[in-house]
């Protein structure tokens, strides 16, 4: 038996040209995932066309069920992003203060 690699095969584990993950390949992956998500959302909307009455604050109206749920999802996402952005801003302010005023190290006597 011959346990050696075939002749001409690379012996290192380095990626071959074109095998690396690049920004462009990541963008293509994101586009494909986004398109699949859009198709799933479109199917959901087309299957849930019954009209429902929606009341929000002082607004009242009739919308297809799927559209009302989609609006609720978007509103929830906006709220989560707003709170996340506020927290990130808060942490950046604290980090900026820490960089400007480093803690003083006093020597024990």
Protein backbone atom coordinates (compact mmCIF):
# COMPACT_ATOMS: atom_id res chain seq x y z
CA UNK A 1 0.00 0.00 0.00
CA UNK A 2 1.13 3.47 -0.75
CA UNK A 3 0.16 6.04 1.95
CA UNK A 4 1.87 8.99 0.32
CA UNK A 5 0.05 11.87 -1.35
CA UNK A 6 -0.38 11.68 -5.13
CA UNK A 7 2.31 13.37 -7.16
CA UNK A 8 1.67 17.02 -7.87
CA UNK A 9 -0.78 17.49 -4.98
CA UNK A 10 -0.01 20.42 -2.70
CA UNK A 11 1.33 19.34 0.66
CA UNK A 12 0.45 22.48 2.62
CA UNK A 13 -2.94 23.50 4.00
CA UNK A 14 -2.69 26.99 2.52
CA UNK A 15 -5.74 28.05 0.49
CA UNK A 16 -5.42 27.99 -3.25
CA UNK A 17 -6.00 31.19 -5.21
CA UNK A 18 -9.72 31.99 -5.16
CA UNK A 19 -10.45 29.85 -2.10
CA UNK A 20 -10.10 32.65 0.45
CA UNK A 21 -13.14 34.37 1.94
CA UNK A 22 -13.28 37.87 0.47
CA UNK A 23 -15.58 40.84 0.93
CA UNK A 24 -17.11 40.13 -2.44
CA UNK A 25 -17.90 36.52 -1.55
CA UNK A 26 -19.41 37.75 1.72
CA UNK A 27 -21.53 40.25 -0.21
CA UNK A 28 -22.78 37.50 -2.55
CA UNK A 29 -23.67 35.35 0.44
CA UNK A 30 -25.58 38.25 2.02
CA UNK A 31 -27.43 38.92 -1.26
CA UNK A 32 -28.48 35.28 -1.60
CA UNK A 33 -29.66 35.11 2.03
CA UNK A 34 -31.50 38.42 1.58
CA UNK A 35 -33.24 37.20 -1.58
CA UNK A 36 -34.31 33.97 0.13
CA UNK A 37 -35.68 36.01 3.06
CA UNK A 38 -37.59 38.28 0.66
CA UNK A 39 -39.14 35.29 -1.11
CA UNK A 40 -40.22 33.81 2.24
CA UNK A 41 -41.74 37.15 3.29
CA UNK A 42 -43.51 37.51 -0.07
CA UNK A 43 -45.00 34.01 0.23
CA UNK A 44 -46.14 34.84 3.79
CA UNK A 45 -47.80 38.06 2.61
CA UNK A 46 -49.51 36.36 -0.33
CA UNK A 47 -50.87 33.58 1.90
CA UNK A 48 -52.24 35.99 4.55
CA UNK A 49 -54.40 38.41 2.60
CA UNK A 50 -57.40 38.50 4.98
CA UNK A 51 -58.06 42.03 6.18
CA UNK A 52 -57.84 42.96 9.86
CA UNK A 53 -58.71 46.15 11.70
CA UNK A 54 -55.63 47.81 13.14
CA UNK A 55 -55.69 50.52 15.82
CA UNK A 56 -52.49 52.29 16.82
CA UNK A 57 -52.64 55.35 19.06
CA UNK A 58 -55.15 57.55 17.21
CA UNK A 59 -54.87 55.76 13.86
CA UNK A 60 -57.43 53.20 12.71
CA UNK A 61 -57.61 51.27 9.52
CA UNK A 62 -57.85 47.95 7.71
CA UNK A 63 -54.76 46.16 6.45
CA UNK A 64 -53.95 42.65 5.26
CA UNK A 65 -52.84 40.56 8.25
CA UNK A 66 -49.34 39.94 6.88
CA UNK A 67 -48.75 43.64 6.21
CA UNK A 68 -49.85 44.52 9.75
CA UNK A 69 -47.46 41.89 11.16
CA UNK A 70 -44.67 43.17 8.92
CA UNK A 71 -45.21 46.71 10.22
CA UNK A 72 -45.11 45.40 13.80
CA UNK A 73 -41.84 43.58 13.04
CA UNK A 74 -40.29 46.72 11.55
CA UNK A 75 -41.41 48.85 14.49
CA UNK A 76 -39.93 46.34 16.92
CA UNK A 77 -36.65 46.25 14.99
CA UNK A 78 -36.45 50.08 15.01
CA UNK A 79 -36.95 50.10 18.79
CA UNK A 80 -34.24 47.46 19.32
CA UNK A 81 -31.79 49.33 17.06
CA UNK A 82 -32.51 52.62 18.87
CA UNK A 83 -31.81 51.10 22.29
CA UNK A 84 -28.70 49.32 20.96
CA UNK A 85 -27.36 52.52 19.39
CA UNK A 86 -27.99 54.44 22.64
CA UNK A 87 -26.06 51.79 24.60
CA UNK A 88 -23.14 51.84 22.14
CA UNK A 89 -23.04 55.64 22.32
CA UNK A 90 -23.04 55.47 26.11
CA UNK A 91 -20.14 52.99 26.11
CA UNK A 92 -18.16 55.12 23.64
CA UNK A 93 -18.59 58.19 25.86
CA UNK A 94 -17.37 56.23 28.90
CA UNK A 95 -14.40 54.86 26.93
CA UNK A 96 -13.52 58.35 25.64
CA UNK A 97 -13.52 59.72 29.17
CA UNK A 98 -11.33 56.86 30.33
CA UNK A 99 -8.82 57.58 27.53
CA UNK A 100 -8.69 61.29 28.35
CA UNK A 101 -8.45 60.82 32.11
CA UNK A 102 -6.46 57.65 32.78
CA UNK A 103 -6.67 56.42 36.38
CA UNK A 104 -3.80 57.70 38.50
CA UNK A 105 -1.70 55.03 40.11
CA UNK A 106 -0.53 56.11 43.53
CA UNK A 107 2.46 54.39 45.07
CA UNK A 108 1.80 52.68 48.38
CA UNK A 109 3.79 54.17 51.23
